[in-house]
Amino acid sequence: MAEDIFEKVQETLVDALGVDDDEVTPEATLIGDLGAESIDFLDIVFRLEKNFDIKIPRGELFPENLAAADSGFIADGVVTTDGIAQLREKMPHADIDAFANDPQVSKLPDLFTVNMICRFIATRVG
């Protein structure tokens, strides 16, 4: 099942981002490694919904405004303990533990990995 999900997610990202399938590894980050931009996230969600026949509410796979300065979850360029707790709640499908070791705001985009999408989809189709 997990292999099927990965293959479909890989195919979705290849189509959405115009990358080669060998670039779409489980560890690949959408922004850093695959060159996704914010506009691409809408397209990715749309394609995932179609390919897996599921509905993904806005902001559920890719929460918005994670690093909003007025959220109180950021201090001196670092995500606070409260911010980490908020991330765990909003993004249970992401690897927050690894991020929490070095919670630089600049590393937030690294949470959006191919693996994260696969885990999210697995909770929906499983």
PDB file of N, CA and C in Angstrom:
ATOM      1  N   MET A   1       0.820  -1.205   0.000  1.00  0.00           N
ATOM      2  CA  MET A   1       0.000   0.000   0.000  1.00  0.00           C
ATOM      3  C   MET A   1       0.867   1.273   0.000  1.00  0.00           C
ATOM      4  N   ALA A   2       1.855   1.314   0.888  1.00  0.00           N
ATOM      5  CA  ALA A   2       2.725   2.495   0.969  1.00  0.00           C
ATOM      6  C   ALA A   2       3.451   2.739  -0.351  1.00  0.00           C
ATOM      7  N   GLU A   3       3.870   1.661  -0.998  1.00  0.00           N
ATOM      8  CA  GLU A   3       4.571   1.774  -2.283  1.00  0.00           C
ATOM      9  C   GLU A   3       3.639   2.364  -3.347  1.00  0.00           C
ATOM     10  N   ASP A   4       2.371   1.914  -3.333  1.00  0.00           N
ATOM     11  CA  ASP A   4       1.378   2.446  -4.279  1.00  0.00           C
ATOM     12  C   ASP A   4       1.180   3.942  -4.056  1.00  0.00           C
ATOM     13  N   ILE A   5       1.082   4.324  -2.789  1.00  0.00           N
ATOM     14  CA  ILE A   5       0.884   5.739  -2.464  1.00  0.00           C
ATOM     15  C   ILE A   5       2.081   6.545  -2.947  1.00  0.00           C
ATOM     16  N   PHE A   6       3.289   6.076  -2.642  1.00  0.00           N
ATOM     17  CA  PHE A   6       4.482   6.812  -3.069  1.00  0.00           C
ATOM     18  C   PHE A   6       4.500   6.983  -4.589  1.00  0.00           C
ATOM     19  N   GLU A   7       4.204   5.900  -5.323  1.00  0.00           N
ATOM     20  CA  GLU A   7       4.253   5.980  -6.789  1.00  0.00           C
ATOM     21  C   GLU A   7       3.258   6.999  -7.324  1.00  0.00           C
ATOM     22  N   LYS A   8       2.050   7.025  -6.745  1.00  0.00           N
ATOM     23  CA  LYS A   8       1.041   7.994  -7.195  1.00  0.00           C
ATOM     24  C   LYS A   8       1.425   9.421  -6.813  1.00  0.00           C
ATOM     25  N   VAL A   9       1.992   9.591  -5.609  1.00  0.00           N
ATOM     26  CA  VAL A   9       2.431  10.921  -5.179  1.00  0.00           C
ATOM     27  C   VAL A   9       3.570  11.383  -6.083  1.00  0.00           C
ATOM     28  N   GLN A  10       4.490  10.466  -6.372  1.00  0.00           N
ATOM     29  CA  GLN A  10       5.615  10.778  -7.254  1.00  0.00           C
ATOM     30  C   GLN A  10       5.108  11.240  -8.620  1.00  0.00           C
ATOM     31  N   GLU A  11       4.184  10.484  -9.178  1.00  0.00           N
ATOM     32  CA  GLU A  11       3.599  10.811 -10.484  1.00  0.00           C
ATOM     33  C   GLU A  11       2.914  12.184 -10.432  1.00  0.00           C
ATOM     34  N   THR A  12       2.201  12.445  -9.345  1.00  0.00           N
ATOM     35  CA  THR A  12       1.510  13.721  -9.163  1.00  0.00           C
ATOM     36  C   THR A  12       2.502  14.883  -9.166  1.00  0.00           C
ATOM     37  N   LEU A  13       3.604  14.722  -8.437  1.00  0.00           N
ATOM     38  CA  LEU A  13       4.593  15.798  -8.341  1.00  0.00           C
ATOM     39  C   LEU A  13       5.367  15.980  -9.646  1.00  0.00           C
ATOM     40  N   VAL A  14       5.631  14.901 -10.351  1.00  0.00           N
ATOM     41  CA  VAL A  14       6.285  14.995 -11.658  1.00  0.00           C
ATOM     42  C   VAL A  14       5.406  15.826 -12.601  1.00  0.00           C
ATOM     43  N   ASP A  15       4.101  15.523 -12.595  1.00  0.00           N
ATOM     44  CA  ASP A  15       3.163  16.263 -13.452  1.00  0.00           C
ATOM     45  C   ASP A  15       3.024  17.723 -13.025  1.00  0.00           C
ATOM     46  N   ALA A  16       2.895  17.947 -11.722  1.00  0.00           N
ATOM     47  CA  ALA A  16       2.640  19.297 -11.218  1.00  0.00           C
ATOM     48  C   ALA A  16       3.864  20.208 -11.325  1.00  0.00           C
ATOM     49  N   LEU A  17       5.050  19.644 -11.103  1.00  0.00           N
ATOM     50  CA  LEU A  17       6.246  20.475 -11.007  1.00  0.00           C
ATOM     51  C   LEU A  17       7.186  20.354 -12.196  1.00  0.00           C
ATOM     52  N   GLY A  18       6.897  19.418 -13.096  1.00  0.00           N
ATOM     53  CA  GLY A  18       7.749  19.261 -14.264  1.00  0.00           C
ATOM     54  C   GLY A  18       9.147  18.784 -13.919  1.00  0.00           C
ATOM     55  N   VAL A  19       9.247  17.936 -12.880  1.00  0.00           N
ATOM     56  CA  VAL A  19      10.550  17.384 -12.495  1.00  0.00           C
ATOM     57  C   VAL A  19      10.639  15.942 -12.975  1.00  0.00           C
ATOM     58  N   ASP A  20      11.837  15.366 -12.929  1.00  0.00           N
ATOM     59  CA  ASP A  20      12.017  13.968 -13.308  1.00  0.00           C
ATOM     60  C   ASP A  20      11.638  13.070 -12.138  1.00  0.00           C
ATOM     61  N   ASP A  21      11.137  11.878 -12.435  1.00  0.00           N
ATOM     62  CA  ASP A  21      10.697  11.002 -11.337  1.00  0.00           C
ATOM     63  C   ASP A  21      11.844  10.603 -10.409  1.00  0.00           C
ATOM     64  N   ASP A  22      13.085  10.576 -10.914  1.00  0.00           N
ATOM     65  CA  ASP A  22      14.193  10.212 -10.019  1.00  0.00           C
ATOM     66  C   ASP A  22      14.535  11.336  -9.032  1.00  0.00           C
ATOM     67  N   GLU A  23      14.009  12.548  -9.285  1.00  0.00           N
ATOM     68  CA  GLU A  23      14.202  13.656  -8.341  1.00  0.00           C
ATOM     69  C   GLU A  23      13.220  13.560  -7.171  1.00  0.00           C
ATOM     70  N   VAL A  24      12.098  12.891  -7.400  1.00  0.00           N
ATOM     71  CA  VAL A  24      11.050  12.795  -6.384  1.00  0.00           C
ATOM     72  C   VAL A  24      11.316  11.588  -5.490  1.00  0.00           C
ATOM     73  N   THR A  25      12.211  11.794  -4.526  1.00  0.00           N
ATOM     74  CA  THR A  25      12.531  10.756  -3.552  1.00  0.00           C
ATOM     75  C   THR A  25      11.710  11.020  -2.287  1.00  0.00           C
ATOM     76  N   PRO A  26      11.570  10.029  -1.414  1.00  0.00           N
ATOM     77  CA  PRO A  26      10.792  10.264  -0.190  1.00  0.00           C
ATOM     78  C   PRO A  26      11.310  11.444   0.633  1.00  0.00           C
ATOM     79  N   GLU A  27      12.617  11.663   0.641  1.00  0.00           N
ATOM     80  CA  GLU A  27      13.211  12.720   1.468  1.00  0.00           C
ATOM     81  C   GLU A  27      13.204  14.083   0.791  1.00  0.00           C
ATOM     82  N   ALA A  28      12.904  14.133  -0.506  1.00  0.00           N
ATOM     83  CA  ALA A  28      12.965  15.397  -1.243  1.00  0.00           C
ATOM     84  C   ALA A  28      12.014  16.428  -0.646  1.00  0.00           C
ATOM     85  N   THR A  29      12.522  17.669  -0.506  1.00  0.00           N
ATOM     86  CA  THR A  29      11.658  18.755  -0.048  1.00  0.00           C
ATOM     87  C   THR A  29      11.022  19.400  -1.273  1.00  0.00           C
ATOM     88  N   LEU A  30       9.756  19.788  -1.128  1.00  0.00           N
ATOM     89  CA  LEU A  30       9.027  20.323  -2.275  1.00  0.00           C
ATOM     90  C   LEU A  30       9.631  21.631  -2.777  1.00  0.00           C
ATOM     91  N   ILE A  31      10.020  22.495  -1.847  1.00  0.00           N
ATOM     92  CA  ILE A  31      10.516  23.804  -2.239  1.00  0.00           C
ATOM     93  C   ILE A  31      12.009  23.749  -2.568  1.00  0.00           C
ATOM     94  N   GLY A  32      12.821  23.262  -1.622  1.00  0.00           N
ATOM     95  CA  GLY A  32      14.271  23.249  -1.814  1.00  0.00           C
ATOM     96  C   GLY A  32      14.742  22.326  -2.910  1.00  0.00           C
ATOM     97  N   ASP A  33      14.240  21.090  -2.910  1.00  0.00           N
ATOM     98  CA  ASP A  33      14.724  20.092  -3.876  1.00  0.00           C
ATOM     99  C   ASP A  33      13.953  20.091  -5.193  1.00  0.00           C
ATOM    100  N   LEU A  34      12.639  20.311  -5.118  1.00  0.00           N
ATOM    101  CA  LEU A  34      11.806  20.164  -6.319  1.00  0.00           C
ATOM    102  C   LEU A  34      11.372  21.502  -6.921  1.00  0.00           C
ATOM    103  N   GLY A  35      11.742  22.596  -6.260  1.00  0.00           N
ATOM    104  CA  GLY A  35      11.480  23.916  -6.834  1.00  0.00           C
ATOM    105  C   GLY A  35      10.028  24.369  -6.804  1.00  0.00           C
ATOM    106  N   ALA A  36       9.220  23.799  -5.930  1.00  0.00           N
ATOM    107  CA  ALA A  36       7.814  24.208  -5.850  1.00  0.00           C
ATOM    108  C   ALA A  36       7.716  25.633  -5.323  1.00  0.00           C
ATOM    109  N   GLU A  37       6.724  26.350  -5.813  1.00  0.00           N
ATOM    110  CA  GLU A  37       6.422  27.687  -5.312  1.00  0.00           C
ATOM    111  C   GLU A  37       5.028  27.630  -4.710  1.00  0.00           C
ATOM    112  N   SER A  38       4.658  28.678  -3.978  1.00  0.00           N
ATOM    113  CA  SER A  38       3.373  28.631  -3.272  1.00  0.00           C
ATOM    114  C   SER A  38       2.200  28.334  -4.212  1.00  0.00           C
ATOM    115  N   ILE A  39       2.229  28.862  -5.409  1.00  0.00           N
ATOM    116  CA  ILE A  39       1.137  28.615  -6.364  1.00  0.00           C
ATOM    117  C   ILE A  39       1.040  27.128  -6.721  1.00  0.00           C
ATOM    118  N   ASP A  40       2.179  26.431  -6.680  1.00  0.00           N
ATOM    119  CA  ASP A  40       2.193  24.999  -7.016  1.00  0.00           C
ATOM    120  C   ASP A  40       1.449  24.164  -5.983  1.00  0.00           C
ATOM    121  N   PHE A  41       1.400  24.638  -4.734  1.00  0.00           N
ATOM    122  CA  PHE A  41       0.751  23.850  -3.685  1.00  0.00           C
ATOM    123  C   PHE A  41      -0.732  23.627  -3.988  1.00  0.00           C
ATOM    124  N   LEU A  42      -1.393  24.629  -4.547  1.00  0.00           N
ATOM    125  CA  LEU A  42      -2.808  24.479  -4.921  1.00  0.00           C
ATOM    126  C   LEU A  42      -2.963  23.402  -5.991  1.00  0.00           C
ATOM    127  N   ASP A  43      -2.080  23.447  -6.975  1.00  0.00           N
ATOM    128  CA  ASP A  43      -2.108  22.475  -8.064  1.00  0.00           C
ATOM    129  C   ASP A  43      -1.843  21.061  -7.535  1.00  0.00           C
ATOM    130  N   ILE A  44      -0.879  20.948  -6.624  1.00  0.00           N
ATOM    131  CA  ILE A  44      -0.544  19.645  -6.045  1.00  0.00           C
ATOM    132  C   ILE A  44      -1.753  19.077  -5.302  1.00  0.00           C
ATOM    133  N   VAL A  45      -2.398  19.914  -4.480  1.00  0.00           N
ATOM    134  CA  VAL A  45      -3.580  19.456  -3.729  1.00  0.00           C
ATOM    135  C   VAL A  45      -4.668  19.007  -4.697  1.00  0.00           C
ATOM    136  N   PHE A  46      -4.931  19.802  -5.730  1.00  0.00           N
ATOM    137  CA  PHE A  46      -5.948  19.454  -6.720  1.00  0.00           C
ATOM    138  C   PHE A  46      -5.642  18.111  -7.380  1.00  0.00           C
ATOM    139  N   ARG A  47      -4.404  17.917  -7.779  1.00  0.00           N
ATOM    140  CA  ARG A  47      -4.017  16.673  -8.444  1.00  0.00           C
ATOM    141  C   ARG A  47      -4.080  15.470  -7.493  1.00  0.00           C
ATOM    142  N   LEU A  48      -3.693  15.683  -6.230  1.00  0.00           N
ATOM    143  CA  LEU A  48      -3.769  14.600  -5.235  1.00  0.00           C
ATOM    144  C   LEU A  48      -5.226  14.198  -5.018  1.00  0.00           C
ATOM    145  N   GLU A  49      -6.104  15.186  -4.930  1.00  0.00           N
ATOM    146  CA  GLU A  49      -7.533  14.898  -4.743  1.00  0.00           C
ATOM    147  C   GLU A  49      -8.047  14.035  -5.896  1.00  0.00           C
ATOM    148  N   LYS A  50      -7.653  14.406  -7.103  1.00  0.00           N
ATOM    149  CA  LYS A  50      -8.098  13.679  -8.289  1.00  0.00           C
ATOM    150  C   LYS A  50      -7.489  12.266  -8.346  1.00  0.00           C
ATOM    151  N   ASN A  51      -6.179  12.171  -8.121  1.00  0.00           N
ATOM    152  CA  ASN A  51      -5.489  10.890  -8.242  1.00  0.00           C
ATOM    153  C   ASN A  51      -5.868   9.889  -7.162  1.00  0.00           C
ATOM    154  N   PHE A  52      -6.220  10.384  -5.972  1.00  0.00           N
ATOM    155  CA  PHE A  52      -6.562   9.477  -4.872  1.00  0.00           C
ATOM    156  C   PHE A  52      -8.058   9.470  -4.564  1.00  0.00           C
ATOM    157  N   ASP A  53      -8.823  10.261  -5.304  1.00  0.00           N
ATOM    158  CA  ASP A  53     -10.274  10.351  -5.101  1.00  0.00           C
ATOM    159  C   ASP A  53     -10.607  10.682  -3.642  1.00  0.00           C
ATOM    160  N   ILE A  54      -9.974  11.743  -3.133  1.00  0.00           N
ATOM    161  CA  ILE A  54     -10.226  12.210  -1.762  1.00  0.00           C
ATOM    162  C   ILE A  54     -10.445  13.712  -1.802  1.00  0.00           C
ATOM    163  N   LYS A  55     -10.951  14.256  -0.707  1.00  0.00           N
ATOM    164  CA  LYS A  55     -11.111  15.706  -0.568  1.00  0.00           C
ATOM    165  C   LYS A  55     -10.101  16.171   0.482  1.00  0.00           C
ATOM    166  N   ILE A  56      -9.360  17.220   0.167  1.00  0.00           N
ATOM    167  CA  ILE A  56      -8.374  17.762   1.092  1.00  0.00           C
ATOM    168  C   ILE A  56      -8.792  19.197   1.421  1.00  0.00           C
ATOM    169  N   PRO A  57      -9.317  19.421   2.625  1.00  0.00           N
ATOM    170  CA  PRO A  57      -9.722  20.779   2.996  1.00  0.00           C
ATOM    171  C   PRO A  57      -8.542  21.748   2.919  1.00  0.00           C
ATOM    172  N   ARG A  58      -8.844  22.974   2.514  1.00  0.00           N
ATOM    173  CA  ARG A  58      -7.801  23.992   2.364  1.00  0.00           C
ATOM    174  C   ARG A  58      -7.001  24.136   3.654  1.00  0.00           C
ATOM    175  N   GLY A  59      -5.686  24.165   3.529  1.00  0.00           N
ATOM    176  CA  GLY A  59      -4.821  24.387   4.673  1.00  0.00           C
ATOM    177  C   GLY A  59      -4.526  23.145   5.494  1.00  0.00           C
ATOM    178  N   GLU A  60      -5.123  22.019   5.122  1.00  0.00           N
ATOM    179  CA  GLU A  60      -4.899  20.814   5.924  1.00  0.00           C
ATOM    180  C   GLU A  60      -3.587  20.114   5.586  1.00  0.00           C
ATOM    181  N   LEU A  61      -3.295  19.970   4.311  1.00  0.00           N
ATOM    182  CA  LEU A  61      -2.025  19.349   3.907  1.00  0.00           C
ATOM    183  C   LEU A  61      -0.882  20.360   4.031  1.00  0.00           C
ATOM    184  N   PHE A  62      -1.133  21.562   3.557  1.00  0.00           N
ATOM    185  CA  PHE A  62      -0.134  22.628   3.612  1.00  0.00           C
ATOM    186  C   PHE A  62      -0.716  23.789   4.422  1.00  0.00           C
ATOM    187  N   PRO A  63      -0.544  23.771   5.753  1.00  0.00           N
ATOM    188  CA  PRO A  63      -1.092  24.861   6.571  1.00  0.00           C
ATOM    189  C   PRO A  63      -0.529  26.210   6.126  1.00  0.00           C
ATOM    190  N   GLU A  64      -1.386  27.218   6.167  1.00  0.00           N
ATOM    191  CA  GLU A  64      -0.974  28.549   5.738  1.00  0.00           C
ATOM    192  C   GLU A  64      -0.524  29.370   6.944  1.00  0.00           C
ATOM    193  N   ASN A  65       0.270  30.371   6.671  1.00  0.00           N
ATOM    194  CA  ASN A  65       0.703  31.327   7.700  1.00  0.00           C
ATOM    195  C   ASN A  65       1.386  30.668   8.895  1.00  0.00           C
ATOM    196  N   LEU A  66       2.139  29.615   8.648  1.00  0.00           N
ATOM    197  CA  LEU A  66       2.840  28.945   9.746  1.00  0.00           C
ATOM    198  C   LEU A  66       3.830  29.870  10.426  1.00  0.00           C
ATOM    199  N   ALA A  67       4.426  30.745   9.665  1.00  0.00           N
ATOM    200  CA  ALA A  67       5.477  31.601  10.223  1.00  0.00           C
ATOM    201  C   ALA A  67       5.017  33.042  10.383  1.00  0.00           C
ATOM    202  N   ALA A  68       3.721  33.239  10.553  1.00  0.00           N
ATOM    203  CA  ALA A  68       3.211  34.603  10.725  1.00  0.00           C
ATOM    204  C   ALA A  68       3.875  35.231  11.950  1.00  0.00           C
ATOM    205  N   ALA A  69       4.440  36.382  11.758  1.00  0.00           N
ATOM    206  CA  ALA A  69       5.194  37.047  12.824  1.00  0.00           C
ATOM    207  C   ALA A  69       4.315  37.353  14.036  1.00  0.00           C
ATOM    208  N   ASP A  70       3.041  37.610  13.809  1.00  0.00           N
ATOM    209  CA  ASP A  70       2.142  37.984  14.908  1.00  0.00           C
ATOM    210  C   ASP A  70       1.531  36.784  15.624  1.00  0.00           C
ATOM    211  N   SER A  71       1.934  35.580  15.250  1.00  0.00           N
ATOM    212  CA  SER A  71       1.342  34.378  15.843  1.00  0.00           C
ATOM    213  C   SER A  71       1.839  34.131  17.263  1.00  0.00           C
ATOM    214  N   GLY A  72       2.982  34.736  17.610  1.00  0.00           N
ATOM    215  CA  GLY A  72       3.561  34.484  18.919  1.00  0.00           C
ATOM    216  C   GLY A  72       4.348  33.173  18.959  1.00  0.00           C
ATOM    217  N   PHE A  73       4.435  32.501  17.818  1.00  0.00           N
ATOM    218  CA  PHE A  73       5.117  31.215  17.753  1.00  0.00           C
ATOM    219  C   PHE A  73       6.542  31.343  17.235  1.00  0.00           C
ATOM    220  N   ILE A  74       6.945  32.580  16.956  1.00  0.00           N
ATOM    221  CA  ILE A  74       8.271  32.825  16.414  1.00  0.00           C
ATOM    222  C   ILE A  74       8.969  33.853  17.305  1.00  0.00           C
ATOM    223  N   ALA A  75      10.209  33.599  17.648  1.00  0.00           N
ATOM    224  CA  ALA A  75      10.994  34.584  18.392  1.00  0.00           C
ATOM    225  C   ALA A  75      12.434  34.544  17.883  1.00  0.00           C
ATOM    226  N   ASP A  76      12.934  35.693  17.458  1.00  0.00           N
ATOM    227  CA  ASP A  76      14.324  35.785  16.972  1.00  0.00           C
ATOM    228  C   ASP A  76      14.640  34.763  15.880  1.00  0.00           C
ATOM    229  N   GLY A  77      13.707  34.581  14.962  1.00  0.00           N
ATOM    230  CA  GLY A  77      13.954  33.686  13.836  1.00  0.00           C
ATOM    231  C   GLY A  77      13.868  32.210  14.169  1.00  0.00           C
ATOM    232  N   VAL A  78      13.364  31.896  15.360  1.00  0.00           N
ATOM    233  CA  VAL A  78      13.252  30.508  15.787  1.00  0.00           C
ATOM    234  C   VAL A  78      11.799  30.229  16.171  1.00  0.00           C
ATOM    235  N   VAL A  79      11.334  29.032  15.860  1.00  0.00           N
ATOM    236  CA  VAL A  79       9.985  28.632  16.248  1.00  0.00           C
ATOM    237  C   VAL A  79      10.020  28.261  17.737  1.00  0.00           C
ATOM    238  N   THR A  80       9.120  28.861  18.502  1.00  0.00           N
ATOM    239  CA  THR A  80       9.096  28.648  19.952  1.00  0.00           C
ATOM    240  C   THR A  80       8.523  27.270  20.301  1.00  0.00           C
ATOM    241  N   THR A  81       8.605  26.912  21.577  1.00  0.00           N
ATOM    242  CA  THR A  81       8.043  25.645  22.055  1.00  0.00           C
ATOM    243  C   THR A  81       6.548  25.584  21.746  1.00  0.00           C
ATOM    244  N   ASP A  82       5.854  26.710  21.959  1.00  0.00           N
ATOM    245  CA  ASP A  82       4.421  26.764  21.626  1.00  0.00           C
ATOM    246  C   ASP A  82       4.206  26.589  20.125  1.00  0.00           C
ATOM    247  N   GLY A  83       5.111  27.172  19.370  1.00  0.00           N
ATOM    248  CA  GLY A  83       5.034  27.041  17.915  1.00  0.00           C
ATOM    249  C   GLY A  83       5.210  25.599  17.469  1.00  0.00           C
ATOM    250  N   ILE A  84       6.150  24.901  18.102  1.00  0.00           N
ATOM    251  CA  ILE A  84       6.386  23.478  17.796  1.00  0.00           C
ATOM    252  C   ILE A  84       5.114  22.681  18.122  1.00  0.00           C
ATOM    253  N   ALA A  85       4.510  22.963  19.253  1.00  0.00           N
ATOM    254  CA  ALA A  85       3.266  22.271  19.645  1.00  0.00           C
ATOM    255  C   ALA A  85       2.170  22.522  18.604  1.00  0.00           C
ATOM    256  N   GLN A  86       2.097  23.762  18.130  1.00  0.00           N
ATOM    257  CA  GLN A  86       1.112  24.128  17.104  1.00  0.00           C
ATOM    258  C   GLN A  86       1.385  23.359  15.802  1.00  0.00           C
ATOM    259  N   LEU A  87       2.650  23.245  15.433  1.00  0.00           N
ATOM    260  CA  LEU A  87       3.017  22.498  14.227  1.00  0.00           C
ATOM    261  C   LEU A  87       2.604  21.030  14.353  1.00  0.00           C
ATOM    262  N   ARG A  88       2.852  20.446  15.529  1.00  0.00           N
ATOM    263  CA  ARG A  88       2.466  19.041  15.745  1.00  0.00           C
ATOM    264  C   ARG A  88       0.968  18.852  15.568  1.00  0.00           C
ATOM    265  N   GLU A  89       0.213  19.842  16.034  1.00  0.00           N
ATOM    266  CA  GLU A  89      -1.244  19.765  15.930  1.00  0.00           C
ATOM    267  C   GLU A  89      -1.719  19.942  14.487  1.00  0.00           C
ATOM    268  N   LYS A  90      -1.158  20.953  13.807  1.00  0.00           N
ATOM    269  CA  LYS A  90      -1.593  21.256  12.440  1.00  0.00           C
ATOM    270  C   LYS A  90      -1.007  20.300  11.403  1.00  0.00           C
ATOM    271  N   MET A  91       0.157  19.736  11.697  1.00  0.00           N
ATOM    272  CA  MET A  91       0.843  18.900  10.716  1.00  0.00           C
ATOM    273  C   MET A  91       1.286  17.568  11.316  1.00  0.00           C
ATOM    274  N   PRO A  92       0.333  16.746  11.770  1.00  0.00           N
ATOM    275  CA  PRO A  92       0.724  15.465  12.368  1.00  0.00           C
ATOM    276  C   PRO A  92       1.438  14.549  11.372  1.00  0.00           C
ATOM    277  N   HIS A  93       1.296  14.845  10.096  1.00  0.00           N
ATOM    278  CA  HIS A  93       1.897  14.040   9.030  1.00  0.00           C
ATOM    279  C   HIS A  93       3.331  14.471   8.716  1.00  0.00           C
ATOM    280  N   ALA A  94       3.807  15.554   9.334  1.00  0.00           N
ATOM    281  CA  ALA A  94       5.169  16.038   9.069  1.00  0.00           C
ATOM    282  C   ALA A  94       6.130  15.554  10.153  1.00  0.00           C
ATOM    283  N   ASP A  95       7.419  15.572   9.835  1.00  0.00           N
ATOM    284  CA  ASP A  95       8.439  15.134  10.779  1.00  0.00           C
ATOM    285  C   ASP A  95       8.852  16.315  11.663  1.00  0.00           C
ATOM    286  N   ILE A  96       8.009  16.622  12.628  1.00  0.00           N
ATOM    287  CA  ILE A  96       8.242  17.767  13.509  1.00  0.00           C
ATOM    288  C   ILE A  96       9.421  17.497  14.443  1.00  0.00           C
ATOM    289  N   ASP A  97       9.632  16.235  14.842  1.00  0.00           N
ATOM    290  CA  ASP A  97      10.738  15.908  15.748  1.00  0.00           C
ATOM    291  C   ASP A  97      12.081  16.359  15.180  1.00  0.00           C
ATOM    292  N   ALA A  98      12.321  16.050  13.931  1.00  0.00           N
ATOM    293  CA  ALA A  98      13.589  16.435  13.306  1.00  0.00           C
ATOM    294  C   ALA A  98      13.705  17.959  13.251  1.00  0.00           C
ATOM    295  N   PHE A  99      12.613  18.616  12.908  1.00  0.00           N
ATOM    296  CA  PHE A  99      12.613  20.082  12.835  1.00  0.00           C
ATOM    297  C   PHE A  99      12.865  20.701  14.215  1.00  0.00           C
ATOM    298  N   ALA A 100      12.275  20.110  15.253  1.00  0.00           N
ATOM    299  CA  ALA A 100      12.369  20.651  16.615  1.00  0.00           C
ATOM    300  C   ALA A 100      13.814  20.697  17.122  1.00  0.00           C
ATOM    301  N   ASN A 101      14.679  19.855  16.559  1.00  0.00           N
ATOM    302  CA  ASN A 101      16.091  19.863  16.949  1.00  0.00           C
ATOM    303  C   ASN A 101      16.788  21.161  16.560  1.00  0.00           C
ATOM    304  N   ASP A 102      16.319  21.791  15.491  1.00  0.00           N
ATOM    305  CA  ASP A 102      16.902  23.057  15.021  1.00  0.00           C
ATOM    306  C   ASP A 102      15.779  23.872  14.382  1.00  0.00           C
ATOM    307  N   PRO A 103      14.896  24.444  15.221  1.00  0.00           N
ATOM    308  CA  PRO A 103      13.650  25.045  14.716  1.00  0.00           C
ATOM    309  C   PRO A 103      13.795  26.446  14.123  1.00  0.00           C
ATOM    310  N   GLN A 104      14.731  26.614  13.203  1.00  0.00           N
ATOM    311  CA  GLN A 104      14.892  27.899  12.512  1.00  0.00           C
ATOM    312  C   GLN A 104      13.697  28.132  11.589  1.00  0.00           C
ATOM    313  N   VAL A 105      13.167  29.341  11.606  1.00  0.00           N
ATOM    314  CA  VAL A 105      12.052  29.681  10.726  1.00  0.00           C
ATOM    315  C   VAL A 105      12.420  29.402   9.269  1.00  0.00           C
ATOM    316  N   SER A 106      13.677  29.671   8.927  1.00  0.00           N
ATOM    317  CA  SER A 106      14.121  29.465   7.545  1.00  0.00           C
ATOM    318  C   SER A 106      14.046  27.998   7.119  1.00  0.00           C
ATOM    319  N   LYS A 107      13.935  27.089   8.100  1.00  0.00           N
ATOM    320  CA  LYS A 107      13.870  25.656   7.776  1.00  0.00           C
ATOM    321  C   LYS A 107      12.434  25.132   7.715  1.00  0.00           C
ATOM    322  N   LEU A 108      11.448  25.975   7.983  1.00  0.00           N
ATOM    323  CA  LEU A 108      10.055  25.536   7.910  1.00  0.00           C
ATOM    324  C   LEU A 108       9.707  24.887   6.563  1.00  0.00           C
ATOM    325  N   PRO A 109      10.160  25.460   5.436  1.00  0.00           N
ATOM    326  CA  PRO A 109       9.819  24.824   4.152  1.00  0.00           C
ATOM    327  C   PRO A 109      10.313  23.379   4.038  1.00  0.00           C
ATOM    328  N   ASP A 110      11.344  23.025   4.816  1.00  0.00           N
ATOM    329  CA  ASP A 110      11.874  21.659   4.758  1.00  0.00           C
ATOM    330  C   ASP A 110      10.896  20.638   5.333  1.00  0.00           C
ATOM    331  N   LEU A 111       9.869  21.100   6.036  1.00  0.00           N
ATOM    332  CA  LEU A 111       8.849  20.175   6.557  1.00  0.00           C
ATOM    333  C   LEU A 111       8.020  19.578   5.420  1.00  0.00           C
ATOM    334  N   PHE A 112       7.926  20.321   4.313  1.00  0.00           N
ATOM    335  CA  PHE A 112       7.113  19.864   3.189  1.00  0.00           C
ATOM    336  C   PHE A 112       7.912  18.908   2.312  1.00  0.00           C
ATOM    337  N   THR A 113       7.864  17.621   2.670  1.00  0.00           N
ATOM    338  CA  THR A 113       8.603  16.605   1.928  1.00  0.00           C
ATOM    339  C   THR A 113       7.640  15.672   1.210  1.00  0.00           C
ATOM    340  N   VAL A 114       8.201  14.885   0.314  1.00  0.00           N
ATOM    341  CA  VAL A 114       7.412  13.873  -0.386  1.00  0.00           C
ATOM    342  C   VAL A 114       6.854  12.876   0.640  1.00  0.00           C
ATOM    343  N   ASN A 115       7.680  12.490   1.601  1.00  0.00           N
ATOM    344  CA  ASN A 115       7.240  11.579   2.664  1.00  0.00           C
ATOM    345  C   ASN A 115       6.041  12.127   3.431  1.00  0.00           C
ATOM    346  N   MET A 116       6.078  13.432   3.725  1.00  0.00           N
ATOM    347  CA  MET A 116       4.979  14.066   4.455  1.00  0.00           C
ATOM    348  C   MET A 116       3.671  13.904   3.687  1.00  0.00           C
ATOM    349  N   ILE A 117       3.727  14.121   2.384  1.00  0.00           N
ATOM    350  CA  ILE A 117       2.520  13.968   1.565  1.00  0.00           C
ATOM    351  C   ILE A 117       2.045  12.518   1.603  1.00  0.00           C
ATOM    352  N   CYS A 118       2.986  11.583   1.493  1.00  0.00           N
ATOM    353  CA  CYS A 118       2.622  10.160   1.514  1.00  0.00           C
ATOM    354  C   CYS A 118       1.950   9.774   2.829  1.00  0.00           C
ATOM    355  N   ARG A 119       2.510  10.269   3.944  1.00  0.00           N
ATOM    356  CA  ARG A 119       1.900   9.970   5.258  1.00  0.00           C
ATOM    357  C   ARG A 119       0.499  10.564   5.351  1.00  0.00           C
ATOM    358  N   PHE A 120       0.344  11.782   4.854  1.00  0.00           N
ATOM    359  CA  PHE A 120      -0.965  12.437   4.871  1.00  0.00           C
ATOM    360  C   PHE A 120      -1.981  11.599   4.066  1.00  0.00           C
ATOM    361  N   ILE A 121      -1.587  11.226   2.851  1.00  0.00           N
ATOM    362  CA  ILE A 121      -2.479  10.449   1.983  1.00  0.00           C
ATOM    363  C   ILE A 121      -2.824   9.109   2.635  1.00  0.00           C
ATOM    364  N   ALA A 122      -1.848   8.476   3.270  1.00  0.00           N
ATOM    365  CA  ALA A 122      -2.081   7.181   3.915  1.00  0.00           C
ATOM    366  C   ALA A 122      -3.176   7.276   4.984  1.00  0.00           C
ATOM    367  N   THR A 123      -3.242   8.409   5.690  1.00  0.00           N
ATOM    368  CA  THR A 123      -4.299   8.563   6.703  1.00  0.00           C
ATOM    369  C   THR A 123      -5.657   8.743   6.056  1.00  0.00           C
ATOM    370  N   ARG A 124      -5.675   9.176   4.808  1.00  0.00           N
ATOM    371  CA  ARG A 124      -6.937   9.420   4.115  1.00  0.00           C
ATOM    372  C   ARG A 124      -7.477   8.212   3.365  1.00  0.00           C
ATOM    373  N   VAL A 125      -6.588   7.423   2.831  1.00  0.00           N
ATOM    374  CA  VAL A 125      -7.049   6.298   1.998  1.00  0.00           C
ATOM    375  C   VAL A 125      -6.988   4.976   2.763  1.00  0.00           C
ATOM    376  N   GLY A 126      -6.307   4.984   3.934  1.00  0.00           N
ATOM    377  CA  GLY A 126      -6.148   3.772   4.720  1.00  0.00           C
ATOM    378  C   GLY A 126      -7.395   3.469   5.432  1.00  0.00           C
TER     379      GLY A 126
END
